[in-house]
PDB file of N, CA and C in Angstrom:
ATOM      1  N   UNK A   1     -44.258  21.299  -6.323  1.00  0.00           N
ATOM      2  CA  UNK A   1     -44.021  19.976  -6.835  1.00  0.00           C
ATOM      3  C   UNK A   1     -42.523  19.811  -7.066  1.00  0.00           C
ATOM      4  N   UNK A   2     -41.911  18.794  -6.505  1.00  0.00           N
ATOM      5  CA  UNK A   2     -40.481  18.531  -6.643  1.00  0.00           C
ATOM      6  C   UNK A   2     -40.189  17.937  -8.004  1.00  0.00           C
ATOM      7  N   UNK A   3     -39.087  18.388  -8.594  1.00  0.00           N
ATOM      8  CA  UNK A   3     -38.719  17.832  -9.903  1.00  0.00           C
ATOM      9  C   UNK A   3     -38.115  16.447  -9.715  1.00  0.00           C
ATOM     10  N   UNK A   4     -38.298  15.616 -10.677  1.00  0.00           N
ATOM     11  CA  UNK A   4     -37.760  14.266 -10.637  1.00  0.00           C
ATOM     12  C   UNK A   4     -36.394  14.251 -11.306  1.00  0.00           C
ATOM     13  N   UNK A   5     -35.388  14.653 -10.563  1.00  0.00           N
ATOM     14  CA  UNK A   5     -34.009  14.661 -11.053  1.00  0.00           C
ATOM     15  C   UNK A   5     -33.422  13.267 -10.855  1.00  0.00           C
ATOM     16  N   UNK A   6     -32.635  12.802 -11.807  1.00  0.00           N
ATOM     17  CA  UNK A   6     -31.966  11.523 -11.586  1.00  0.00           C
ATOM     18  C   UNK A   6     -30.988  11.654 -10.424  1.00  0.00           C
ATOM     19  N   UNK A   7     -30.874  10.595  -9.656  1.00  0.00           N
ATOM     20  CA  UNK A   7     -29.959  10.604  -8.519  1.00  0.00           C
ATOM     21  C   UNK A   7     -28.987   9.444  -8.672  1.00  0.00           C
ATOM     22  N   UNK A   8     -27.780   9.702  -8.271  1.00  0.00           N
ATOM     23  CA  UNK A   8     -26.745   8.667  -8.279  1.00  0.00           C
ATOM     24  C   UNK A   8     -26.229   8.538  -6.857  1.00  0.00           C
ATOM     25  N   UNK A   9     -26.159   7.321  -6.370  1.00  0.00           N
ATOM     26  CA  UNK A   9     -25.617   7.055  -5.052  1.00  0.00           C
ATOM     27  C   UNK A   9     -24.471   6.066  -5.218  1.00  0.00           C
ATOM     28  N   UNK A  10     -23.342   6.389  -4.584  1.00  0.00           N
ATOM     29  CA  UNK A  10     -22.185   5.501  -4.672  1.00  0.00           C
ATOM     30  C   UNK A  10     -21.724   5.140  -3.281  1.00  0.00           C
ATOM     31  N   UNK A  11     -21.306   3.918  -3.154  1.00  0.00           N
ATOM     32  CA  UNK A  11     -20.691   3.464  -1.908  1.00  0.00           C
ATOM     33  C   UNK A  11     -19.195   3.708  -2.002  1.00  0.00           C
ATOM     34  N   UNK A  12     -18.426   2.789  -1.490  1.00  0.00           N
ATOM     35  CA  UNK A  12     -16.972   2.893  -1.536  1.00  0.00           C
ATOM     36  C   UNK A  12     -16.500   2.692  -2.969  1.00  0.00           C
ATOM     37  N   UNK A  13     -15.826   3.689  -3.526  1.00  0.00           N
ATOM     38  CA  UNK A  13     -15.348   3.601  -4.900  1.00  0.00           C
ATOM     39  C   UNK A  13     -13.830   3.630  -4.987  1.00  0.00           C
ATOM     40  N   UNK A  14     -13.148   3.390  -3.876  1.00  0.00           N
ATOM     41  CA  UNK A  14     -11.695   3.412  -3.914  1.00  0.00           C
ATOM     42  C   UNK A  14     -11.194   2.319  -4.842  1.00  0.00           C
ATOM     43  N   UNK A  15     -10.219   2.658  -5.665  1.00  0.00           N
ATOM     44  CA  UNK A  15      -9.660   1.725  -6.624  1.00  0.00           C
ATOM     45  C   UNK A  15     -10.551   1.502  -7.829  1.00  0.00           C
ATOM     46  N   UNK A  16     -11.583   2.321  -7.996  1.00  0.00           N
ATOM     47  CA  UNK A  16     -12.535   2.157  -9.088  1.00  0.00           C
ATOM     48  C   UNK A  16     -12.404   3.276 -10.108  1.00  0.00           C
ATOM     49  N   UNK A  17     -12.912   2.994 -11.282  1.00  0.00           N
ATOM     50  CA  UNK A  17     -12.997   4.003 -12.321  1.00  0.00           C
ATOM     51  C   UNK A  17     -14.449   4.044 -12.762  1.00  0.00           C
ATOM     52  N   UNK A  18     -15.012   5.239 -12.870  1.00  0.00           N
ATOM     53  CA  UNK A  18     -16.398   5.337 -13.271  1.00  0.00           C
ATOM     54  C   UNK A  18     -16.630   6.667 -13.973  1.00  0.00           C
ATOM     55  N   UNK A  19     -17.714   6.722 -14.728  1.00  0.00           N
ATOM     56  CA  UNK A  19     -18.109   7.948 -15.417  1.00  0.00           C
ATOM     57  C   UNK A  19     -19.626   8.058 -15.344  1.00  0.00           C
ATOM     58  N   UNK A  20     -20.102   9.283 -15.275  1.00  0.00           N
ATOM     59  CA  UNK A  20     -21.539   9.518 -15.151  1.00  0.00           C
ATOM     60  C   UNK A  20     -21.943  10.518 -16.220  1.00  0.00           C
ATOM     61  N   UNK A  21     -23.053  10.269 -16.871  1.00  0.00           N
ATOM     62  CA  UNK A  21     -23.568  11.196 -17.874  1.00  0.00           C
ATOM     63  C   UNK A  21     -23.636  10.545 -19.240  1.00  0.00           C
ATOM     64  N   UNK A  22     -24.410  11.162 -20.130  1.00  0.00           N
ATOM     65  CA  UNK A  22     -24.653  10.546 -21.434  1.00  0.00           C
ATOM     66  C   UNK A  22     -23.409  10.493 -22.313  1.00  0.00           C
ATOM     67  N   UNK A  23     -22.461  11.386 -22.139  1.00  0.00           N
ATOM     68  CA  UNK A  23     -21.245  11.383 -22.959  1.00  0.00           C
ATOM     69  C   UNK A  23     -19.991  11.168 -22.114  1.00  0.00           C
ATOM     70  N   UNK A  24     -20.163  10.611 -20.953  1.00  0.00           N
ATOM     71  CA  UNK A  24     -19.037  10.428 -20.045  1.00  0.00           C
ATOM     72  C   UNK A  24     -18.123   9.309 -20.545  1.00  0.00           C
ATOM     73  N   UNK A  25     -16.853   9.460 -20.231  1.00  0.00           N
ATOM     74  CA  UNK A  25     -15.849   8.463 -20.610  1.00  0.00           C
ATOM     75  C   UNK A  25     -14.914   8.280 -19.419  1.00  0.00           C
ATOM     76  N   UNK A  26     -14.719   7.044 -19.028  1.00  0.00           N
ATOM     77  CA  UNK A  26     -13.806   6.758 -17.918  1.00  0.00           C
ATOM     78  C   UNK A  26     -12.662   5.908 -18.429  1.00  0.00           C
ATOM     79  N   UNK A  27     -11.475   6.258 -18.016  1.00  0.00           N
ATOM     80  CA  UNK A  27     -10.287   5.512 -18.415  1.00  0.00           C
ATOM     81  C   UNK A  27      -9.383   5.411 -17.204  1.00  0.00           C
ATOM     82  N   UNK A  28      -8.827   4.247 -17.000  1.00  0.00           N
ATOM     83  CA  UNK A  28      -7.995   4.042 -15.827  1.00  0.00           C
ATOM     84  C   UNK A  28      -6.667   3.444 -16.229  1.00  0.00           C
ATOM     85  N   UNK A  29      -5.607   3.990 -15.659  1.00  0.00           N
ATOM     86  CA  UNK A  29      -4.268   3.472 -15.891  1.00  0.00           C
ATOM     87  C   UNK A  29      -3.614   3.284 -14.533  1.00  0.00           C
ATOM     88  N   UNK A  30      -3.092   2.104 -14.300  1.00  0.00           N
ATOM     89  CA  UNK A  30      -2.413   1.817 -13.031  1.00  0.00           C
ATOM     90  C   UNK A  30      -0.966   1.509 -13.345  1.00  0.00           C
ATOM     91  N   UNK A  31      -0.092   2.289 -12.777  1.00  0.00           N
ATOM     92  CA  UNK A  31       1.331   2.108 -13.015  1.00  0.00           C
ATOM     93  C   UNK A  31       1.989   1.687 -11.719  1.00  0.00           C
ATOM     94  N   UNK A  32       2.673   0.569 -11.747  1.00  0.00           N
ATOM     95  CA  UNK A  32       3.383   0.098 -10.565  1.00  0.00           C
ATOM     96  C   UNK A  32       4.751   0.736 -10.488  1.00  0.00           C
ATOM     97  N   UNK A  33       5.357   0.596  -9.344  1.00  0.00           N
ATOM     98  CA  UNK A  33       6.695   1.144  -9.152  1.00  0.00           C
ATOM     99  C   UNK A  33       7.733   0.039  -9.129  1.00  0.00           C
ATOM    100  N   UNK A  34       7.454  -1.031  -9.830  1.00  0.00           N
ATOM    101  CA  UNK A  34       8.385  -2.144  -9.827  1.00  0.00           C
ATOM    102  C   UNK A  34       7.954  -3.171  -8.811  1.00  0.00           C
ATOM    103  N   UNK A  35       8.632  -4.271  -8.826  1.00  0.00           N
ATOM    104  CA  UNK A  35       8.257  -5.344  -7.934  1.00  0.00           C
ATOM    105  C   UNK A  35       7.175  -6.182  -8.570  1.00  0.00           C
ATOM    106  N   UNK A  36       6.962  -7.344  -8.007  1.00  0.00           N
ATOM    107  CA  UNK A  36       6.010  -8.256  -8.610  1.00  0.00           C
ATOM    108  C   UNK A  36       4.755  -8.427  -7.781  1.00  0.00           C
ATOM    109  N   UNK A  37       4.686  -7.794  -6.636  1.00  0.00           N
ATOM    110  CA  UNK A  37       3.575  -8.034  -5.735  1.00  0.00           C
ATOM    111  C   UNK A  37       2.362  -7.179  -6.018  1.00  0.00           C
ATOM    112  N   UNK A  38       1.201  -7.787  -5.867  1.00  0.00           N
ATOM    113  CA  UNK A  38      -0.025  -7.018  -5.927  1.00  0.00           C
ATOM    114  C   UNK A  38      -0.152  -6.255  -4.617  1.00  0.00           C
ATOM    115  N   UNK A  39      -1.066  -5.321  -4.581  1.00  0.00           N
ATOM    116  CA  UNK A  39      -1.251  -4.551  -3.362  1.00  0.00           C
ATOM    117  C   UNK A  39      -1.795  -5.417  -2.228  1.00  0.00           C
ATOM    118  N   UNK A  40      -2.564  -6.463  -2.556  1.00  0.00           N
ATOM    119  CA  UNK A  40      -3.030  -7.377  -1.507  1.00  0.00           C
ATOM    120  C   UNK A  40      -1.854  -8.131  -0.901  1.00  0.00           C
ATOM    121  N   UNK A  41      -0.948  -8.597  -1.761  1.00  0.00           N
ATOM    122  CA  UNK A  41       0.243  -9.287  -1.264  1.00  0.00           C
ATOM    123  C   UNK A  41       1.112  -8.328  -0.454  1.00  0.00           C
ATOM    124  N   UNK A  42       1.229  -7.108  -0.943  1.00  0.00           N
ATOM    125  CA  UNK A  42       2.019  -6.106  -0.244  1.00  0.00           C
ATOM    126  C   UNK A  42       1.426  -5.828   1.136  1.00  0.00           C
ATOM    127  N   UNK A  43       0.114  -5.701   1.210  1.00  0.00           N
ATOM    128  CA  UNK A  43      -0.544  -5.461   2.493  1.00  0.00           C
ATOM    129  C   UNK A  43      -0.277  -6.613   3.460  1.00  0.00           C
ATOM    130  N   UNK A  44      -0.370  -7.834   2.990  1.00  0.00           N
ATOM    131  CA  UNK A  44      -0.108  -8.996   3.852  1.00  0.00           C
ATOM    132  C   UNK A  44       1.345  -8.983   4.335  1.00  0.00           C
ATOM    133  N   UNK A  45       2.280  -8.654   3.445  1.00  0.00           N
ATOM    134  CA  UNK A  45       3.697  -8.616   3.817  1.00  0.00           C
ATOM    135  C   UNK A  45       3.977  -7.484   4.807  1.00  0.00           C
ATOM    136  N   UNK A  46       3.332  -6.349   4.612  1.00  0.00           N
ATOM    137  CA  UNK A  46       3.486  -5.218   5.534  1.00  0.00           C
ATOM    138  C   UNK A  46       2.990  -5.622   6.917  1.00  0.00           C
ATOM    139  N   UNK A  47       1.846  -6.266   6.974  1.00  0.00           N
ATOM    140  CA  UNK A  47       1.295  -6.695   8.264  1.00  0.00           C
ATOM    141  C   UNK A  47       2.192  -7.735   8.938  1.00  0.00           C
ATOM    142  N   UNK A  48       2.733  -8.670   8.145  1.00  0.00           N
ATOM    143  CA  UNK A  48       3.636  -9.681   8.704  1.00  0.00           C
ATOM    144  C   UNK A  48       4.879  -9.032   9.306  1.00  0.00           C
ATOM    145  N   UNK A  49       5.471  -8.090   8.577  1.00  0.00           N
ATOM    146  CA  UNK A  49       6.677  -7.439   9.075  1.00  0.00           C
ATOM    147  C   UNK A  49       6.373  -6.593  10.311  1.00  0.00           C
ATOM    148  N   UNK A  50       5.234  -5.921  10.320  1.00  0.00           N
ATOM    149  CA  UNK A  50       4.861  -5.143  11.512  1.00  0.00           C
ATOM    150  C   UNK A  50       4.754  -6.058  12.732  1.00  0.00           C
ATOM    151  N   UNK A  51       4.155  -7.226  12.554  1.00  0.00           N
ATOM    152  CA  UNK A  51       4.017  -8.178  13.660  1.00  0.00           C
ATOM    153  C   UNK A  51       5.393  -8.661  14.110  1.00  0.00           C
ATOM    154  N   UNK A  52       6.273  -8.950  13.153  1.00  0.00           N
ATOM    155  CA  UNK A  52       7.622  -9.406  13.506  1.00  0.00           C
ATOM    156  C   UNK A  52       8.426  -8.311  14.195  1.00  0.00           C
ATOM    157  N   UNK A  53       8.265  -7.068  13.769  1.00  0.00           N
ATOM    158  CA  UNK A  53       9.001  -5.965  14.402  1.00  0.00           C
ATOM    159  C   UNK A  53       8.619  -5.820  15.875  1.00  0.00           C
ATOM    160  N   UNK A  54       7.386  -6.170  16.198  1.00  0.00           N
ATOM    161  CA  UNK A  54       6.940  -6.084  17.592  1.00  0.00           C
ATOM    162  C   UNK A  54       7.665  -7.097  18.470  1.00  0.00           C
ATOM    163  N   UNK A  55       8.275  -8.106  17.841  1.00  0.00           N
ATOM    164  CA  UNK A  55       8.943  -9.177  18.586  1.00  0.00           C
ATOM    165  C   UNK A  55      10.443  -8.952  18.762  1.00  0.00           C
ATOM    166  N   UNK A  56      10.987  -7.938  18.117  1.00  0.00           N
ATOM    167  CA  UNK A  56      12.432  -7.695  18.216  1.00  0.00           C
ATOM    168  C   UNK A  56      12.689  -6.476  19.092  1.00  0.00           C
ATOM    169  N   UNK A  57      13.924  -6.376  19.570  1.00  0.00           N
ATOM    170  CA  UNK A  57      14.301  -5.220  20.375  1.00  0.00           C
ATOM    171  C   UNK A  57      14.210  -3.971  19.504  1.00  0.00           C
ATOM    172  N   UNK A  58      13.472  -3.002  19.973  1.00  0.00           N
ATOM    173  CA  UNK A  58      13.253  -1.778  19.216  1.00  0.00           C
ATOM    174  C   UNK A  58      14.467  -0.868  19.189  1.00  0.00           C
ATOM    175  N   UNK A  59      14.690  -0.282  18.041  1.00  0.00           N
ATOM    176  CA  UNK A  59      15.735   0.722  17.867  1.00  0.00           C
ATOM    177  C   UNK A  59      15.101   1.910  17.164  1.00  0.00           C
ATOM    178  N   UNK A  60      15.862   2.959  17.018  1.00  0.00           N
ATOM    179  CA  UNK A  60      15.354   4.114  16.265  1.00  0.00           C
ATOM    180  C   UNK A  60      15.015   3.692  14.836  1.00  0.00           C
ATOM    181  N   UNK A  61      15.850   2.841  14.269  1.00  0.00           N
ATOM    182  CA  UNK A  61      15.644   2.377  12.893  1.00  0.00           C
ATOM    183  C   UNK A  61      14.363   1.545  12.773  1.00  0.00           C
ATOM    184  N   UNK A  62      14.129   0.633  13.729  1.00  0.00           N
ATOM    185  CA  UNK A  62      12.911  -0.171  13.648  1.00  0.00           C
ATOM    186  C   UNK A  62      11.672   0.675  13.918  1.00  0.00           C
ATOM    187  N   UNK A  63      11.815   1.721  14.733  1.00  0.00           N
ATOM    188  CA  UNK A  63      10.678   2.622  14.986  1.00  0.00           C
ATOM    189  C   UNK A  63      10.290   3.371  13.716  1.00  0.00           C
ATOM    190  N   UNK A  64      11.287   3.852  12.982  1.00  0.00           N
ATOM    191  CA  UNK A  64      11.016   4.565  11.729  1.00  0.00           C
ATOM    192  C   UNK A  64      10.374   3.610  10.718  1.00  0.00           C
ATOM    193  N   UNK A  65      10.917   2.400  10.627  1.00  0.00           N
ATOM    194  CA  UNK A  65      10.350   1.401   9.720  1.00  0.00           C
ATOM    195  C   UNK A  65       8.928   1.048  10.133  1.00  0.00           C
ATOM    196  N   UNK A  66       8.697   0.882  11.430  1.00  0.00           N
ATOM    197  CA  UNK A  66       7.355   0.577  11.922  1.00  0.00           C
ATOM    198  C   UNK A  66       6.347   1.655  11.575  1.00  0.00           C
ATOM    199  N   UNK A  67       6.755   2.907  11.697  1.00  0.00           N
ATOM    200  CA  UNK A  67       5.869   4.023  11.329  1.00  0.00           C
ATOM    201  C   UNK A  67       5.552   3.990   9.845  1.00  0.00           C
ATOM    202  N   UNK A  68       6.572   3.763   9.016  1.00  0.00           N
ATOM    203  CA  UNK A  68       6.366   3.703   7.563  1.00  0.00           C
ATOM    204  C   UNK A  68       5.453   2.535   7.192  1.00  0.00           C
ATOM    205  N   UNK A  69       5.608   1.412   7.873  1.00  0.00           N
ATOM    206  CA  UNK A  69       4.746   0.264   7.613  1.00  0.00           C
ATOM    207  C   UNK A  69       3.297   0.566   7.993  1.00  0.00           C
ATOM    208  N   UNK A  70       3.102   1.226   9.128  1.00  0.00           N
ATOM    209  CA  UNK A  70       1.746   1.595   9.562  1.00  0.00           C
ATOM    210  C   UNK A  70       1.102   2.542   8.556  1.00  0.00           C
ATOM    211  N   UNK A  71       1.875   3.514   8.075  1.00  0.00           N
ATOM    212  CA  UNK A  71       1.351   4.455   7.081  1.00  0.00           C
ATOM    213  C   UNK A  71       1.022   3.741   5.772  1.00  0.00           C
ATOM    214  N   UNK A  72       1.851   2.774   5.392  1.00  0.00           N
ATOM    215  CA  UNK A  72       1.593   2.004   4.171  1.00  0.00           C
ATOM    216  C   UNK A  72       0.325   1.180   4.325  1.00  0.00           C
ATOM    217  N   UNK A  73       0.174   0.537   5.468  1.00  0.00           N
ATOM    218  CA  UNK A  73      -1.046  -0.243   5.717  1.00  0.00           C
ATOM    219  C   UNK A  73      -2.276   0.649   5.644  1.00  0.00           C
ATOM    220  N   UNK A  74      -2.210   1.824   6.254  1.00  0.00           N
ATOM    221  CA  UNK A  74      -3.339   2.768   6.204  1.00  0.00           C
ATOM    222  C   UNK A  74      -3.652   3.173   4.769  1.00  0.00           C
ATOM    223  N   UNK A  75      -2.594   3.448   3.985  1.00  0.00           N
ATOM    224  CA  UNK A  75      -2.808   3.874   2.597  1.00  0.00           C
ATOM    225  C   UNK A  75      -3.459   2.770   1.773  1.00  0.00           C
ATOM    226  N   UNK A  76      -2.978   1.549   1.930  1.00  0.00           N
ATOM    227  CA  UNK A  76      -3.546   0.448   1.147  1.00  0.00           C
ATOM    228  C   UNK A  76      -4.982   0.170   1.564  1.00  0.00           C
ATOM    229  N   UNK A  77      -5.265   0.185   2.855  1.00  0.00           N
ATOM    230  CA  UNK A  77      -6.628  -0.110   3.295  1.00  0.00           C
ATOM    231  C   UNK A  77      -7.597   1.011   2.955  1.00  0.00           C
ATOM    232  N   UNK A  78      -7.111   2.248   2.856  1.00  0.00           N
ATOM    233  CA  UNK A  78      -8.029   3.345   2.545  1.00  0.00           C
ATOM    234  C   UNK A  78      -8.156   3.614   1.049  1.00  0.00           C
ATOM    235  N   UNK A  79      -7.103   3.365   0.270  1.00  0.00           N
ATOM    236  CA  UNK A  79      -7.161   3.673  -1.170  1.00  0.00           C
ATOM    237  C   UNK A  79      -7.107   2.437  -2.052  1.00  0.00           C
ATOM    238  N   UNK A  80      -6.735   1.304  -1.489  1.00  0.00           N
ATOM    239  CA  UNK A  80      -6.631   0.094  -2.285  1.00  0.00           C
ATOM    240  C   UNK A  80      -5.265  -0.136  -2.895  1.00  0.00           C
ATOM    241  N   UNK A  81      -4.353   0.809  -2.678  1.00  0.00           N
ATOM    242  CA  UNK A  81      -3.015   0.644  -3.251  1.00  0.00           C
ATOM    243  C   UNK A  81      -1.997   1.471  -2.488  1.00  0.00           C
ATOM    244  N   UNK A  82      -0.742   1.088  -2.664  1.00  0.00           N
ATOM    245  CA  UNK A  82       0.366   1.866  -2.111  1.00  0.00           C
ATOM    246  C   UNK A  82       0.994   2.611  -3.273  1.00  0.00           C
ATOM    247  N   UNK A  83       1.053   3.913  -3.173  1.00  0.00           N
ATOM    248  CA  UNK A  83       1.588   4.730  -4.250  1.00  0.00           C
ATOM    249  C   UNK A  83       3.081   4.555  -4.438  1.00  0.00           C
ATOM    250  N   UNK A  84       3.586   5.000  -5.573  1.00  0.00           N
ATOM    251  CA  UNK A  84       5.018   4.873  -5.869  1.00  0.00           C
ATOM    252  C   UNK A  84       5.917   5.515  -4.818  1.00  0.00           C
ATOM    253  N   UNK A  85       5.534   6.659  -4.293  1.00  0.00           N
ATOM    254  CA  UNK A  85       6.344   7.328  -3.276  1.00  0.00           C
ATOM    255  C   UNK A  85       6.420   6.485  -2.014  1.00  0.00           C
ATOM    256  N   UNK A  86       5.304   5.916  -1.615  1.00  0.00           N
ATOM    257  CA  UNK A  86       5.253   5.071  -0.420  1.00  0.00           C
ATOM    258  C   UNK A  86       6.119   3.826  -0.623  1.00  0.00           C
ATOM    259  N   UNK A  87       6.027   3.199  -1.797  1.00  0.00           N
ATOM    260  CA  UNK A  87       6.828   2.004  -2.089  1.00  0.00           C
ATOM    261  C   UNK A  87       8.321   2.337  -2.080  1.00  0.00           C
ATOM    262  N   UNK A  88       8.673   3.477  -2.651  1.00  0.00           N
ATOM    263  CA  UNK A  88      10.083   3.876  -2.690  1.00  0.00           C
ATOM    264  C   UNK A  88      10.611   4.118  -1.281  1.00  0.00           C
ATOM    265  N   UNK A  89       9.812   4.728  -0.430  1.00  0.00           N
ATOM    266  CA  UNK A  89      10.218   4.971   0.955  1.00  0.00           C
ATOM    267  C   UNK A  89      10.487   3.644   1.671  1.00  0.00           C
ATOM    268  N   UNK A  90       9.612   2.656   1.462  1.00  0.00           N
ATOM    269  CA  UNK A  90       9.835   1.351   2.083  1.00  0.00           C
ATOM    270  C   UNK A  90      11.111   0.707   1.544  1.00  0.00           C
ATOM    271  N   UNK A  91      11.344   0.817   0.243  1.00  0.00           N
ATOM    272  CA  UNK A  91      12.581   0.277  -0.332  1.00  0.00           C
ATOM    273  C   UNK A  91      13.805   0.880   0.353  1.00  0.00           C
ATOM    274  N   UNK A  92      13.787   2.207   0.521  1.00  0.00           N
ATOM    275  CA  UNK A  92      14.912   2.892   1.160  1.00  0.00           C
ATOM    276  C   UNK A  92      15.117   2.399   2.590  1.00  0.00           C
ATOM    277  N   UNK A  93      14.037   2.303   3.341  1.00  0.00           N
ATOM    278  CA  UNK A  93      14.146   1.869   4.734  1.00  0.00           C
ATOM    279  C   UNK A  93      14.619   0.425   4.839  1.00  0.00           C
ATOM    280  N   UNK A  94      14.135  -0.427   3.949  1.00  0.00           N
ATOM    281  CA  UNK A  94      14.571  -1.819   3.977  1.00  0.00           C
ATOM    282  C   UNK A  94      16.030  -1.948   3.533  1.00  0.00           C
ATOM    283  N   UNK A  95      16.443  -1.138   2.577  1.00  0.00           N
ATOM    284  CA  UNK A  95      17.844  -1.162   2.147  1.00  0.00           C
ATOM    285  C   UNK A  95      18.756  -0.749   3.297  1.00  0.00           C
ATOM    286  N   UNK A  96      18.285   0.190   4.113  1.00  0.00           N
ATOM    287  CA  UNK A  96      19.048   0.632   5.276  1.00  0.00           C
ATOM    288  C   UNK A  96      18.999  -0.388   6.415  1.00  0.00           C
ATOM    289  N   UNK A  97      18.138  -1.385   6.298  1.00  0.00           N
ATOM    290  CA  UNK A  97      17.939  -2.377   7.360  1.00  0.00           C
ATOM    291  C   UNK A  97      18.382  -3.759   6.904  1.00  0.00           C
ATOM    292  N   UNK A  98      19.536  -3.855   6.265  1.00  0.00           N
ATOM    293  CA  UNK A  98      20.000  -5.132   5.726  1.00  0.00           C
ATOM    294  C   UNK A  98      20.069  -6.220   6.795  1.00  0.00           C
ATOM    295  N   UNK A  99      20.404  -5.868   8.022  1.00  0.00           N
ATOM    296  CA  UNK A  99      20.455  -6.872   9.087  1.00  0.00           C
ATOM    297  C   UNK A  99      19.073  -7.480   9.315  1.00  0.00           C
ATOM    298  N   UNK A 100      18.032  -6.650   9.243  1.00  0.00           N
ATOM    299  CA  UNK A 100      16.666  -7.158   9.407  1.00  0.00           C
ATOM    300  C   UNK A 100      16.306  -8.121   8.290  1.00  0.00           C
ATOM    301  N   UNK A 101      16.749  -7.820   7.070  1.00  0.00           N
ATOM    302  CA  UNK A 101      16.421  -8.668   5.937  1.00  0.00           C
ATOM    303  C   UNK A 101      16.966 -10.076   6.116  1.00  0.00           C
ATOM    304  N   UNK A 102      18.120 -10.191   6.767  1.00  0.00           N
ATOM    305  CA  UNK A 102      18.705 -11.509   6.947  1.00  0.00           C
ATOM    306  C   UNK A 102      18.114 -12.239   8.149  1.00  0.00           C
ATOM    307  N   UNK A 103      17.547 -11.523   9.103  1.00  0.00           N
ATOM    308  CA  UNK A 103      17.010 -12.147  10.306  1.00  0.00           C
ATOM    309  C   UNK A 103      15.517 -12.435  10.182  1.00  0.00           C
ATOM    310  N   UNK A 104      14.761 -11.511   9.652  1.00  0.00           N
ATOM    311  CA  UNK A 104      13.310 -11.657   9.578  1.00  0.00           C
ATOM    312  C   UNK A 104      12.879 -12.053   8.170  1.00  0.00           C
ATOM    313  N   UNK A 105      12.292 -13.209   8.039  1.00  0.00           N
ATOM    314  CA  UNK A 105      11.807 -13.667   6.732  1.00  0.00           C
ATOM    315  C   UNK A 105      10.765 -12.708   6.170  1.00  0.00           C
ATOM    316  N   UNK A 106       9.958 -12.097   7.053  1.00  0.00           N
ATOM    317  CA  UNK A 106       8.925 -11.179   6.587  1.00  0.00           C
ATOM    318  C   UNK A 106       9.539  -9.950   5.923  1.00  0.00           C
ATOM    319  N   UNK A 107      10.688  -9.495   6.407  1.00  0.00           N
ATOM    320  CA  UNK A 107      11.356  -8.354   5.787  1.00  0.00           C
ATOM    321  C   UNK A 107      11.847  -8.739   4.408  1.00  0.00           C
ATOM    322  N   UNK A 108      12.381  -9.938   4.270  1.00  0.00           N
ATOM    323  CA  UNK A 108      12.818 -10.411   2.965  1.00  0.00           C
ATOM    324  C   UNK A 108      11.673 -10.563   1.998  1.00  0.00           C
ATOM    325  N   UNK A 109      10.519 -11.054   2.484  1.00  0.00           N
ATOM    326  CA  UNK A 109       9.344 -11.207   1.635  1.00  0.00           C
ATOM    327  C   UNK A 109       8.849  -9.850   1.134  1.00  0.00           C
ATOM    328  N   UNK A 110       8.804  -8.874   2.016  1.00  0.00           N
ATOM    329  CA  UNK A 110       8.380  -7.532   1.626  1.00  0.00           C
ATOM    330  C   UNK A 110       9.360  -6.934   0.626  1.00  0.00           C
ATOM    331  N   UNK A 111      10.644  -7.107   0.866  1.00  0.00           N
ATOM    332  CA  UNK A 111      11.668  -6.590  -0.053  1.00  0.00           C
ATOM    333  C   UNK A 111      11.475  -7.203  -1.441  1.00  0.00           C
ATOM    334  N   UNK A 112      11.175  -8.487  -1.491  1.00  0.00           N
ATOM    335  CA  UNK A 112      10.928  -9.143  -2.782  1.00  0.00           C
ATOM    336  C   UNK A 112       9.732  -8.574  -3.506  1.00  0.00           C
ATOM    337  N   UNK A 113       8.669  -8.284  -2.783  1.00  0.00           N
ATOM    338  CA  UNK A 113       7.467  -7.701  -3.393  1.00  0.00           C
ATOM    339  C   UNK A 113       7.725  -6.280  -3.888  1.00  0.00           C
ATOM    340  N   UNK A 114       8.690  -5.610  -3.274  1.00  0.00           N
ATOM    341  CA  UNK A 114       9.014  -4.242  -3.684  1.00  0.00           C
ATOM    342  C   UNK A 114      10.063  -4.218  -4.781  1.00  0.00           C
ATOM    343  N   UNK A 115      10.499  -5.385  -5.229  1.00  0.00           N
ATOM    344  CA  UNK A 115      11.449  -5.454  -6.331  1.00  0.00           C
ATOM    345  C   UNK A 115      12.882  -5.189  -5.926  1.00  0.00           C
ATOM    346  N   UNK A 116      13.240  -5.494  -4.700  1.00  0.00           N
ATOM    347  CA  UNK A 116      14.619  -5.271  -4.230  1.00  0.00           C
ATOM    348  C   UNK A 116      15.476  -6.471  -4.554  1.00  0.00           C
TER     349      UNK A 116
END
C-alpha cells in the first residue's frame, strides 16, 4: 500500500519567492543597480538596440556590444531580471560607445534605463 505523502508541483518560479512546510518563511529582497528602468523596460530597450545594431556597419565594438545584449536578453527572459554585474557590463560597453549613443536613439534609451 503506497503512503499518501503530500506532493507539491511547481511550474515556472523564476522571479518568485516561496516557502514550503508548516514553519517555512520566505523573504525576498530585490536590489537594483541604479537606473530607473524595470526589467521589462530594460528587455524592450535591449531588443530595440539589438535590432538597430543589425542595421549599422559592424565593428569589433558593435560585435562585443551585440553579444552582451544577447546575453542580457537571455538572462532577463530566463530569470526575469538582469543582475547587477550584467547591468554594469552594459554600462561600460555603452560608455565606450559614445558615438552610438548620439546616433542610435535605442542606445540612448538603454543608457537612460541603466542610469547613465
